[in-house]
Amino acid sequence: MKTTRPRKNTSQKTPTANNVESTDPSSLHYRQMLIVLKQFRVVIANIKRHYMAVERSSGVGGAQLWALCALAGHSKMTVGELARELAIHQSTASNLLDGLVTQGYVEKRRIHADKRTVTVVLTTQGKRVVKNAPQPAIGILQSALLALPNNNLSQLHNNLAELLVNMGPKSTRDASTPISKFLEK
C-alpha cells in the first residue's frame, strides 16, 4: 500500500539560505531592501502631499478630483462606468458621487426608459474645478504609471504581484479602495 505524504503548507514561506542571509544587515540584499523601502516611503509621502495640495486648492479630495476628470472626458457616464474607469467598487463610486452632488459639482439624472439607471454629468461649477485643478489632476501615481512604457508597467505589475505573494495571504478587498482613503487621518 502506498502512503501519501501530507501536502506542504505553501502559504507560509520556509526559511531558505537566500532569505536567511538577506536578514543580515550587512548583506547587499538587505541594503537593497532598505533602498526600496525608502522609495516606497517617498512614493507614499508624495501621494499624500499631492492630495493635500489638491484639497487645499480645489476644495475636493484626490479621488473626487479624479472622478471629476473622468466625467469631464465624457458627456455623461453611469455610476458603473465611472467605477470601472477609476478601478473602484460601484458602491464607492456612488458614495464619491453623493459628495460631489452635495457640493454642486455633478448632477445625477435618471434615464427615461430605465429609471434604475443613473447617469452623471458635470455641472458648470464641476467643470471649473477640473479646469483650475493642480496637475496632474488624475493623481501623481496614476500619471506616473501612465508615463511608463508598456513593458515597464507590465514588469512592475509582475514584481508587485510577487511582492504580495511574499507578504503572505492577504485580503484583496482593498484593491478597489481609493488610495486617498488610506492616507486620511
N, C-alpha and C. Protein backbone atom coordinates (compact mmCIF):
# COMPACT_ATOMS: atom_id res chain seq x y z
N MET A 1 0.84 -1.18 0.00
CA MET A 1 0.00 0.00 0.00
C MET A 1 0.89 1.25 0.00
N LYS A 2 0.54 2.15 -0.86
CA LYS A 2 1.32 3.38 -1.00
C LYS A 2 0.83 4.40 0.03
N THR A 3 1.78 5.01 0.73
CA THR A 3 1.40 6.05 1.69
C THR A 3 1.52 7.41 1.01
N THR A 4 0.65 8.30 1.39
CA THR A 4 0.71 9.65 0.82
C THR A 4 1.31 10.59 1.84
N ARG A 5 2.10 11.45 1.34
CA ARG A 5 2.71 12.45 2.19
C ARG A 5 1.74 13.60 2.40
N PRO A 6 1.78 14.20 3.59
CA PRO A 6 0.95 15.40 3.77
C PRO A 6 1.46 16.52 2.88
N ARG A 7 0.55 17.31 2.37
CA ARG A 7 0.92 18.42 1.49
C ARG A 7 1.57 19.52 2.31
N LYS A 8 2.54 20.15 1.70
CA LYS A 8 3.21 21.28 2.34
C LYS A 8 2.28 22.47 2.36
N ASN A 9 2.36 23.22 3.43
CA ASN A 9 1.62 24.47 3.52
C ASN A 9 2.42 25.52 2.74
N THR A 10 1.94 25.85 1.55
CA THR A 10 2.67 26.79 0.70
C THR A 10 2.34 28.24 1.03
N SER A 11 1.39 28.46 1.94
CA SER A 11 1.05 29.85 2.26
C SER A 11 2.09 30.48 3.18
N GLN A 12 2.92 29.66 3.84
CA GLN A 12 3.96 30.18 4.70
C GLN A 12 5.31 29.89 4.06
N LYS A 13 6.12 30.89 3.97
CA LYS A 13 7.46 30.70 3.40
C LYS A 13 8.34 30.04 4.45
N THR A 14 9.12 29.06 4.01
CA THR A 14 10.08 28.44 4.90
C THR A 14 11.42 29.11 4.66
N PRO A 15 12.19 29.29 5.72
CA PRO A 15 13.48 29.96 5.53
C PRO A 15 14.35 29.18 4.55
N THR A 16 14.95 29.89 3.64
CA THR A 16 15.91 29.30 2.71
C THR A 16 17.23 29.98 2.95
N ALA A 17 18.27 29.43 2.37
CA ALA A 17 19.59 30.03 2.54
C ALA A 17 19.57 31.49 2.07
N ASN A 18 18.80 31.76 1.01
CA ASN A 18 18.79 33.11 0.45
C ASN A 18 18.11 34.10 1.39
N ASN A 19 16.89 33.78 1.88
CA ASN A 19 16.23 34.79 2.69
C ASN A 19 16.73 34.82 4.13
N VAL A 20 17.41 33.79 4.62
CA VAL A 20 18.04 33.85 5.92
C VAL A 20 19.24 34.79 5.84
N GLU A 21 20.02 34.65 4.78
CA GLU A 21 21.17 35.51 4.57
C GLU A 21 20.72 36.96 4.41
N SER A 22 19.58 37.16 3.77
CA SER A 22 19.14 38.51 3.46
C SER A 22 18.73 39.29 4.71
N THR A 23 18.54 38.63 5.84
CA THR A 23 18.21 39.36 7.07
C THR A 23 19.46 39.93 7.74
N ASP A 24 20.62 39.60 7.20
CA ASP A 24 21.88 40.14 7.72
C ASP A 24 22.02 41.59 7.25
N PRO A 25 21.99 42.56 8.18
CA PRO A 25 22.06 43.97 7.79
C PRO A 25 23.28 44.35 6.96
N SER A 26 24.31 43.54 6.99
CA SER A 26 25.49 43.89 6.19
C SER A 26 25.43 43.30 4.78
N SER A 27 24.40 42.49 4.48
CA SER A 27 24.32 41.88 3.15
C SER A 27 23.83 42.89 2.11
N LEU A 28 24.24 42.69 0.89
CA LEU A 28 23.81 43.54 -0.21
C LEU A 28 22.29 43.49 -0.37
N HIS A 29 21.72 42.30 -0.25
CA HIS A 29 20.27 42.13 -0.39
C HIS A 29 19.51 42.96 0.64
N TYR A 30 19.96 42.95 1.86
CA TYR A 30 19.32 43.72 2.93
C TYR A 30 19.42 45.21 2.64
N ARG A 31 20.60 45.67 2.23
CA ARG A 31 20.79 47.09 1.91
C ARG A 31 19.90 47.51 0.73
N GLN A 32 19.75 46.64 -0.25
CA GLN A 32 18.85 46.95 -1.38
C GLN A 32 17.41 47.03 -0.90
N MET A 33 17.03 46.13 0.03
CA MET A 33 15.69 46.18 0.58
C MET A 33 15.43 47.52 1.24
N LEU A 34 16.40 48.03 1.98
CA LEU A 34 16.25 49.33 2.65
C LEU A 34 16.08 50.46 1.64
N ILE A 35 16.80 50.39 0.53
CA ILE A 35 16.67 51.41 -0.52
C ILE A 35 15.27 51.38 -1.12
N VAL A 36 14.77 50.19 -1.40
CA VAL A 36 13.42 50.06 -1.97
C VAL A 36 12.38 50.51 -0.95
N LEU A 37 12.57 50.18 0.32
CA LEU A 37 11.66 50.63 1.37
C LEU A 37 11.59 52.16 1.39
N LYS A 38 12.73 52.80 1.28
CA LYS A 38 12.75 54.27 1.24
C LYS A 38 12.01 54.79 0.01
N GLN A 39 12.15 54.09 -1.12
CA GLN A 39 11.43 54.51 -2.32
C GLN A 39 9.92 54.43 -2.10
N PHE A 40 9.45 53.37 -1.45
CA PHE A 40 8.02 53.27 -1.14
C PHE A 40 7.59 54.43 -0.25
N ARG A 41 8.41 54.78 0.73
CA ARG A 41 8.08 55.90 1.62
C ARG A 41 7.96 57.21 0.84
N VAL A 42 8.88 57.43 -0.11
CA VAL A 42 8.84 58.65 -0.92
C VAL A 42 7.59 58.67 -1.79
N VAL A 43 7.25 57.53 -2.38
CA VAL A 43 6.04 57.43 -3.20
C VAL A 43 4.81 57.80 -2.36
N ILE A 44 4.69 57.19 -1.20
CA ILE A 44 3.52 57.43 -0.33
C ILE A 44 3.49 58.88 0.14
N ALA A 45 4.62 59.42 0.55
CA ALA A 45 4.66 60.81 1.00
C ALA A 45 4.30 61.78 -0.12
N ASN A 46 4.79 61.52 -1.34
CA ASN A 46 4.45 62.40 -2.46
C ASN A 46 2.97 62.32 -2.81
N ILE A 47 2.40 61.13 -2.74
CA ILE A 47 0.96 61.00 -3.00
C ILE A 47 0.19 61.80 -1.96
N LYS A 48 0.57 61.65 -0.71
CA LYS A 48 -0.14 62.37 0.37
C LYS A 48 -0.01 63.88 0.18
N ARG A 49 1.20 64.37 -0.12
CA ARG A 49 1.38 65.81 -0.34
C ARG A 49 0.53 66.31 -1.51
N HIS A 50 0.49 65.51 -2.59
CA HIS A 50 -0.31 65.91 -3.75
C HIS A 50 -1.79 66.00 -3.37
N TYR A 51 -2.29 64.99 -2.66
CA TYR A 51 -3.70 65.01 -2.26
C TYR A 51 -4.01 66.20 -1.36
N MET A 52 -3.08 66.55 -0.48
CA MET A 52 -3.29 67.70 0.40
C MET A 52 -3.33 68.99 -0.42
N ALA A 53 -2.42 69.10 -1.41
CA ALA A 53 -2.40 70.29 -2.27
C ALA A 53 -3.68 70.38 -3.11
N VAL A 54 -4.14 69.23 -3.59
CA VAL A 54 -5.39 69.19 -4.36
C VAL A 54 -6.54 69.72 -3.51
N GLU A 55 -6.64 69.21 -2.30
CA GLU A 55 -7.75 69.61 -1.44
C GLU A 55 -7.66 71.10 -1.07
N ARG A 56 -6.45 71.57 -0.78
CA ARG A 56 -6.28 72.99 -0.44
C ARG A 56 -6.69 73.90 -1.59
N SER A 57 -6.27 73.56 -2.80
CA SER A 57 -6.52 74.47 -3.92
C SER A 57 -7.88 74.28 -4.60
N SER A 58 -8.43 73.07 -4.54
CA SER A 58 -9.68 72.85 -5.28
C SER A 58 -10.88 72.61 -4.37
N GLY A 59 -10.63 72.27 -3.13
CA GLY A 59 -11.74 72.01 -2.21
C GLY A 59 -12.30 70.60 -2.30
N VAL A 60 -11.70 69.76 -3.14
CA VAL A 60 -12.13 68.36 -3.25
C VAL A 60 -10.94 67.45 -2.99
N GLY A 61 -11.22 66.22 -2.59
CA GLY A 61 -10.17 65.25 -2.37
C GLY A 61 -9.63 64.70 -3.67
N GLY A 62 -8.52 63.97 -3.58
CA GLY A 62 -7.87 63.42 -4.76
C GLY A 62 -8.77 62.48 -5.55
N ALA A 63 -9.47 61.59 -4.86
CA ALA A 63 -10.36 60.65 -5.55
C ALA A 63 -11.52 61.40 -6.21
N GLN A 64 -12.03 62.43 -5.51
CA GLN A 64 -13.11 63.23 -6.09
C GLN A 64 -12.65 63.95 -7.35
N LEU A 65 -11.44 64.50 -7.31
CA LEU A 65 -10.93 65.20 -8.48
C LEU A 65 -10.74 64.24 -9.65
N TRP A 66 -10.24 63.04 -9.38
CA TRP A 66 -10.08 62.06 -10.44
C TRP A 66 -11.43 61.72 -11.04
N ALA A 67 -12.46 61.61 -10.20
CA ALA A 67 -13.81 61.33 -10.69
C ALA A 67 -14.30 62.49 -11.58
N LEU A 68 -14.05 63.72 -11.14
CA LEU A 68 -14.46 64.87 -11.94
C LEU A 68 -13.73 64.88 -13.29
N CYS A 69 -12.44 64.53 -13.27
CA CYS A 69 -11.67 64.47 -14.53
C CYS A 69 -12.23 63.40 -15.47
N ALA A 70 -12.59 62.26 -14.90
CA ALA A 70 -13.18 61.18 -15.71
C ALA A 70 -14.48 61.65 -16.33
N LEU A 71 -15.29 62.32 -15.54
CA LEU A 71 -16.56 62.83 -16.06
C LEU A 71 -16.35 63.91 -17.11
N ALA A 72 -15.30 64.70 -16.94
CA ALA A 72 -15.02 65.77 -17.91
C ALA A 72 -14.68 65.21 -19.28
N GLY A 73 -14.19 63.98 -19.32
CA GLY A 73 -13.84 63.35 -20.59
C GLY A 73 -15.01 62.70 -21.29
N HIS A 74 -16.20 62.76 -20.70
CA HIS A 74 -17.41 62.15 -21.29
C HIS A 74 -18.57 63.13 -21.15
N SER A 75 -19.51 63.02 -22.04
CA SER A 75 -20.69 63.89 -21.90
C SER A 75 -21.55 63.44 -20.73
N LYS A 76 -21.56 62.12 -20.49
CA LYS A 76 -22.28 61.57 -19.34
C LYS A 76 -21.73 60.16 -19.11
N MET A 77 -21.88 59.69 -17.88
CA MET A 77 -21.43 58.35 -17.51
C MET A 77 -22.42 57.76 -16.52
N THR A 78 -22.49 56.44 -16.51
CA THR A 78 -23.24 55.78 -15.45
C THR A 78 -22.30 55.61 -14.26
N VAL A 79 -22.88 55.31 -13.11
CA VAL A 79 -22.07 55.08 -11.92
C VAL A 79 -21.14 53.89 -12.15
N GLY A 80 -21.64 52.85 -12.79
CA GLY A 80 -20.82 51.67 -13.08
C GLY A 80 -19.67 51.97 -14.01
N GLU A 81 -19.90 52.79 -15.03
CA GLU A 81 -18.82 53.18 -15.95
C GLU A 81 -17.74 53.97 -15.22
N LEU A 82 -18.17 54.87 -14.35
CA LEU A 82 -17.20 55.66 -13.58
C LEU A 82 -16.40 54.74 -12.65
N ALA A 83 -17.07 53.80 -12.00
CA ALA A 83 -16.38 52.86 -11.11
C ALA A 83 -15.32 52.08 -11.87
N ARG A 84 -15.65 51.60 -13.07
CA ARG A 84 -14.68 50.85 -13.87
C ARG A 84 -13.50 51.74 -14.29
N GLU A 85 -13.79 52.98 -14.66
CA GLU A 85 -12.72 53.87 -15.11
C GLU A 85 -11.75 54.22 -13.97
N LEU A 86 -12.26 54.28 -12.74
CA LEU A 86 -11.42 54.61 -11.59
C LEU A 86 -10.91 53.36 -10.86
N ALA A 87 -11.32 52.18 -11.32
CA ALA A 87 -10.94 50.91 -10.70
C ALA A 87 -11.35 50.87 -9.23
N ILE A 88 -12.60 51.30 -8.96
CA ILE A 88 -13.13 51.25 -7.61
C ILE A 88 -14.46 50.50 -7.63
N HIS A 89 -14.92 50.11 -6.46
CA HIS A 89 -16.19 49.40 -6.35
C HIS A 89 -17.33 50.36 -6.68
N GLN A 90 -18.41 49.82 -7.22
CA GLN A 90 -19.54 50.67 -7.62
C GLN A 90 -20.14 51.42 -6.43
N SER A 91 -20.20 50.79 -5.26
CA SER A 91 -20.73 51.48 -4.08
C SER A 91 -19.80 52.63 -3.66
N THR A 92 -18.50 52.44 -3.83
CA THR A 92 -17.54 53.50 -3.53
C THR A 92 -17.74 54.67 -4.49
N ALA A 93 -17.94 54.36 -5.76
CA ALA A 93 -18.20 55.41 -6.76
C ALA A 93 -19.48 56.16 -6.43
N SER A 94 -20.50 55.43 -6.02
CA SER A 94 -21.77 56.06 -5.67
C SER A 94 -21.60 57.01 -4.48
N ASN A 95 -20.87 56.58 -3.45
CA ASN A 95 -20.61 57.44 -2.29
C ASN A 95 -19.78 58.66 -2.67
N LEU A 96 -18.81 58.46 -3.54
CA LEU A 96 -17.97 59.55 -4.02
C LEU A 96 -18.83 60.59 -4.74
N LEU A 97 -19.72 60.09 -5.59
CA LEU A 97 -20.60 60.98 -6.35
C LEU A 97 -21.59 61.71 -5.46
N ASP A 98 -22.07 61.04 -4.41
CA ASP A 98 -23.00 61.71 -3.50
C ASP A 98 -22.38 62.98 -2.91
N GLY A 99 -21.09 62.88 -2.53
CA GLY A 99 -20.41 64.07 -2.02
C GLY A 99 -20.27 65.15 -3.06
N LEU A 100 -20.00 64.75 -4.31
CA LEU A 100 -19.86 65.72 -5.39
C LEU A 100 -21.19 66.36 -5.76
N VAL A 101 -22.28 65.60 -5.64
CA VAL A 101 -23.62 66.16 -5.87
C VAL A 101 -23.92 67.20 -4.81
N THR A 102 -23.63 66.86 -3.54
CA THR A 102 -23.87 67.78 -2.43
C THR A 102 -23.10 69.08 -2.61
N GLN A 103 -21.89 68.99 -3.14
CA GLN A 103 -21.07 70.18 -3.36
C GLN A 103 -21.46 70.94 -4.63
N GLY A 104 -22.37 70.37 -5.43
CA GLY A 104 -22.83 71.04 -6.64
C GLY A 104 -21.93 70.85 -7.85
N TYR A 105 -21.03 69.86 -7.82
CA TYR A 105 -20.10 69.65 -8.92
C TYR A 105 -20.62 68.68 -9.97
N VAL A 106 -21.55 67.83 -9.61
CA VAL A 106 -22.15 66.89 -10.57
C VAL A 106 -23.65 66.82 -10.33
N GLU A 107 -24.32 66.35 -11.35
CA GLU A 107 -25.77 66.08 -11.26
C GLU A 107 -26.01 64.64 -11.64
N LYS A 108 -26.92 64.00 -10.92
CA LYS A 108 -27.36 62.65 -11.28
C LYS A 108 -28.68 62.79 -12.00
N ARG A 109 -28.80 62.05 -13.11
CA ARG A 109 -30.03 62.08 -13.89
C ARG A 109 -30.47 60.65 -14.19
N ARG A 110 -31.74 60.41 -14.09
CA ARG A 110 -32.29 59.09 -14.41
C ARG A 110 -32.67 59.07 -15.89
N ILE A 111 -32.30 57.97 -16.54
CA ILE A 111 -32.65 57.80 -17.95
C ILE A 111 -34.14 57.48 -18.01
N HIS A 112 -34.84 58.11 -18.94
CA HIS A 112 -36.30 57.97 -19.03
C HIS A 112 -36.76 56.53 -19.22
N ALA A 113 -36.09 55.77 -20.07
CA ALA A 113 -36.53 54.41 -20.38
C ALA A 113 -36.34 53.46 -19.19
N ASP A 114 -35.29 53.65 -18.44
CA ASP A 114 -34.99 52.75 -17.33
C ASP A 114 -34.67 53.59 -16.11
N LYS A 115 -35.63 53.72 -15.22
CA LYS A 115 -35.48 54.59 -14.05
C LYS A 115 -34.40 54.10 -13.09
N ARG A 116 -33.95 52.83 -13.26
CA ARG A 116 -32.91 52.31 -12.36
C ARG A 116 -31.53 52.82 -12.76
N THR A 117 -31.36 53.18 -14.01
CA THR A 117 -30.06 53.63 -14.49
C THR A 117 -29.89 55.12 -14.25
N VAL A 118 -28.79 55.46 -13.60
CA VAL A 118 -28.48 56.85 -13.29
C VAL A 118 -27.27 57.26 -14.12
N THR A 119 -27.39 58.40 -14.79
CA THR A 119 -26.22 58.96 -15.47
C THR A 119 -25.75 60.16 -14.65
N VAL A 120 -24.47 60.45 -14.80
CA VAL A 120 -23.87 61.53 -14.04
C VAL A 120 -23.21 62.48 -15.02
N VAL A 121 -23.41 63.77 -14.81
CA VAL A 121 -22.82 64.80 -15.66
C VAL A 121 -22.19 65.88 -14.77
N LEU A 122 -21.17 66.53 -15.32
CA LEU A 122 -20.54 67.64 -14.61
C LEU A 122 -21.42 68.88 -14.70
N THR A 123 -21.46 69.65 -13.63
CA THR A 123 -22.11 70.95 -13.67
C THR A 123 -21.07 71.98 -14.13
N THR A 124 -21.50 73.19 -14.35
CA THR A 124 -20.57 74.26 -14.71
C THR A 124 -19.53 74.45 -13.60
N GLN A 125 -19.98 74.37 -12.37
CA GLN A 125 -19.07 74.50 -11.23
C GLN A 125 -18.06 73.35 -11.21
N GLY A 126 -18.49 72.13 -11.54
CA GLY A 126 -17.58 70.98 -11.60
C GLY A 126 -16.55 71.14 -12.70
N LYS A 127 -16.98 71.67 -13.85
CA LYS A 127 -16.04 71.92 -14.95
C LYS A 127 -14.98 72.94 -14.54
N ARG A 128 -15.39 73.93 -13.76
CA ARG A 128 -14.46 74.96 -13.29
C ARG A 128 -13.41 74.35 -12.35
N VAL A 129 -13.84 73.44 -11.48
CA VAL A 129 -12.90 72.78 -10.57
C VAL A 129 -11.85 72.00 -11.36
N VAL A 130 -12.30 71.27 -12.38
CA VAL A 130 -11.36 70.49 -13.21
C VAL A 130 -10.39 71.41 -13.92
N LYS A 131 -10.90 72.50 -14.48
CA LYS A 131 -10.06 73.44 -15.23
C LYS A 131 -8.98 74.06 -14.34
N ASN A 132 -9.32 74.38 -13.09
CA ASN A 132 -8.40 75.07 -12.20
C ASN A 132 -7.62 74.13 -11.27
N ALA A 133 -7.78 72.84 -11.43
CA ALA A 133 -7.16 71.87 -10.52
C ALA A 133 -5.65 71.80 -10.71
N PRO A 134 -4.93 71.53 -9.62
CA PRO A 134 -3.48 71.32 -9.76
C PRO A 134 -3.22 70.08 -10.59
N GLN A 135 -2.12 70.10 -11.29
CA GLN A 135 -1.77 68.99 -12.18
C GLN A 135 -0.76 68.07 -11.53
N PRO A 136 -0.76 66.82 -11.83
CA PRO A 136 -1.70 66.11 -12.69
C PRO A 136 -3.03 65.89 -11.95
N ALA A 137 -4.11 66.27 -12.56
CA ALA A 137 -5.41 66.23 -11.92
C ALA A 137 -5.88 64.81 -11.62
N ILE A 138 -5.43 63.82 -12.40
CA ILE A 138 -5.87 62.45 -12.14
C ILE A 138 -5.10 61.82 -10.98
N GLY A 139 -4.05 62.48 -10.53
CA GLY A 139 -3.24 61.97 -9.43
C GLY A 139 -1.82 61.71 -9.89
N ILE A 140 -0.86 61.90 -8.99
CA ILE A 140 0.53 61.75 -9.41
C ILE A 140 0.91 60.29 -9.63
N LEU A 141 0.33 59.38 -8.86
CA LEU A 141 0.66 57.97 -9.08
C LEU A 141 0.08 57.48 -10.40
N GLN A 142 -1.18 57.80 -10.65
CA GLN A 142 -1.81 57.40 -11.90
C GLN A 142 -1.06 57.98 -13.09
N SER A 143 -0.69 59.24 -13.00
CA SER A 143 0.03 59.91 -14.08
C SER A 143 1.40 59.27 -14.30
N ALA A 144 2.11 58.97 -13.20
CA ALA A 144 3.42 58.35 -13.31
C ALA A 144 3.32 56.95 -13.91
N LEU A 145 2.29 56.19 -13.52
CA LEU A 145 2.10 54.85 -14.07
C LEU A 145 1.79 54.92 -15.57
N LEU A 146 0.97 55.89 -15.96
CA LEU A 146 0.65 56.06 -17.38
C LEU A 146 1.87 56.46 -18.20
N ALA A 147 2.83 57.13 -17.57
CA ALA A 147 4.03 57.57 -18.28
C ALA A 147 5.03 56.43 -18.52
N LEU A 148 4.86 55.32 -17.82
CA LEU A 148 5.77 54.19 -18.00
C LEU A 148 5.49 53.50 -19.34
N PRO A 149 6.53 53.06 -20.03
CA PRO A 149 6.30 52.24 -21.24
C PRO A 149 5.58 50.94 -20.85
N ASN A 150 4.85 50.37 -21.79
CA ASN A 150 4.06 49.16 -21.51
C ASN A 150 4.87 48.04 -20.87
N ASN A 151 6.08 47.79 -21.38
CA ASN A 151 6.87 46.69 -20.83
C ASN A 151 7.30 46.97 -19.39
N ASN A 152 7.59 48.23 -19.06
CA ASN A 152 7.94 48.58 -17.68
C ASN A 152 6.74 48.45 -16.76
N LEU A 153 5.58 48.88 -17.25
CA LEU A 153 4.36 48.76 -16.45
C LEU A 153 4.02 47.30 -16.19
N SER A 154 4.18 46.47 -17.21
CA SER A 154 3.95 45.03 -17.06
C SER A 154 4.94 44.41 -16.08
N GLN A 155 6.19 44.80 -16.17
CA GLN A 155 7.21 44.29 -15.24
C GLN A 155 6.91 44.73 -13.81
N LEU A 156 6.49 45.98 -13.63
CA LEU A 156 6.12 46.47 -12.31
C LEU A 156 4.94 45.67 -11.76
N HIS A 157 3.96 45.41 -12.62
CA HIS A 157 2.82 44.59 -12.21
C HIS A 157 3.28 43.22 -11.71
N ASN A 158 4.14 42.58 -12.47
CA ASN A 158 4.64 41.25 -12.08
C ASN A 158 5.44 41.31 -10.79
N ASN A 159 6.28 42.33 -10.63
CA ASN A 159 7.07 42.47 -9.42
C ASN A 159 6.20 42.73 -8.19
N LEU A 160 5.18 43.57 -8.35
CA LEU A 160 4.28 43.83 -7.22
C LEU A 160 3.44 42.60 -6.90
N ALA A 161 3.06 41.84 -7.90
CA ALA A 161 2.32 40.59 -7.65
C ALA A 161 3.18 39.63 -6.84
N GLU A 162 4.46 39.53 -7.18
CA GLU A 162 5.38 38.68 -6.43
C GLU A 162 5.58 39.20 -5.01
N LEU A 163 5.67 40.52 -4.86
CA LEU A 163 5.79 41.13 -3.53
C LEU A 163 4.59 40.77 -2.67
N LEU A 164 3.40 40.84 -3.25
CA LEU A 164 2.18 40.50 -2.50
C LEU A 164 2.17 39.03 -2.09
N VAL A 165 2.64 38.15 -2.96
CA VAL A 165 2.74 36.73 -2.62
C VAL A 165 3.70 36.55 -1.45
N ASN A 166 4.83 37.25 -1.50
CA ASN A 166 5.82 37.14 -0.43
C ASN A 166 5.33 37.69 0.90
N MET A 167 4.35 38.57 0.85
CA MET A 167 3.78 39.11 2.08
C MET A 167 2.86 38.10 2.76
N GLY A 168 2.53 37.03 2.05
CA GLY A 168 1.66 36.01 2.62
C GLY A 168 0.22 36.27 2.26
N PRO A 169 -0.66 35.37 2.71
CA PRO A 169 -2.07 35.52 2.35
C PRO A 169 -2.65 36.82 2.91
N LYS A 170 -3.11 37.65 2.04
CA LYS A 170 -3.71 38.93 2.42
C LYS A 170 -5.01 39.10 1.65
N SER A 171 -5.89 39.88 2.20
CA SER A 171 -7.15 40.18 1.53
C SER A 171 -6.89 41.15 0.39
N THR A 172 -7.61 40.97 -0.69
CA THR A 172 -7.50 41.90 -1.82
C THR A 172 -8.70 42.85 -1.88
N ARG A 173 -9.51 42.86 -0.84
CA ARG A 173 -10.72 43.70 -0.88
C ARG A 173 -10.40 45.18 -0.98
N ASP A 174 -9.21 45.59 -0.51
CA ASP A 174 -8.83 46.99 -0.58
C ASP A 174 -8.34 47.42 -1.95
N ALA A 175 -8.25 46.50 -2.89
CA ALA A 175 -7.79 46.84 -4.24
C ALA A 175 -8.72 47.85 -4.91
N SER A 176 -9.96 47.91 -4.49
CA SER A 176 -10.92 48.82 -5.10
C SER A 176 -11.20 50.04 -4.22
N THR A 177 -10.32 50.31 -3.27
CA THR A 177 -10.46 51.48 -2.40
C THR A 177 -9.50 52.56 -2.88
N PRO A 178 -9.98 53.80 -3.04
CA PRO A 178 -9.07 54.86 -3.47
C PRO A 178 -7.90 55.02 -2.48
N ILE A 179 -6.71 55.26 -2.99
CA ILE A 179 -5.52 55.40 -2.15
C ILE A 179 -5.71 56.54 -1.14
N SER A 180 -6.40 57.58 -1.54
CA SER A 180 -6.60 58.71 -0.63
C SER A 180 -7.28 58.29 0.68
N LYS A 181 -8.09 57.25 0.63
CA LYS A 181 -8.76 56.77 1.85
C LYS A 181 -7.75 56.18 2.83
N PHE A 182 -6.66 55.60 2.34
CA PHE A 182 -5.65 55.02 3.23
C PHE A 182 -4.79 56.11 3.86
N LEU A 183 -4.77 57.29 3.27
CA LEU A 183 -3.91 58.36 3.76
C LEU A 183 -4.64 59.34 4.68
N GLU A 184 -5.94 59.14 4.86
CA GLU A 184 -6.71 60.01 5.74
C GLU A 184 -6.35 59.71 7.18
N LYS A 185 -6.44 60.73 8.00
CA LYS A 185 -6.16 60.53 9.44
C LYS A 185 -7.36 60.01 10.15
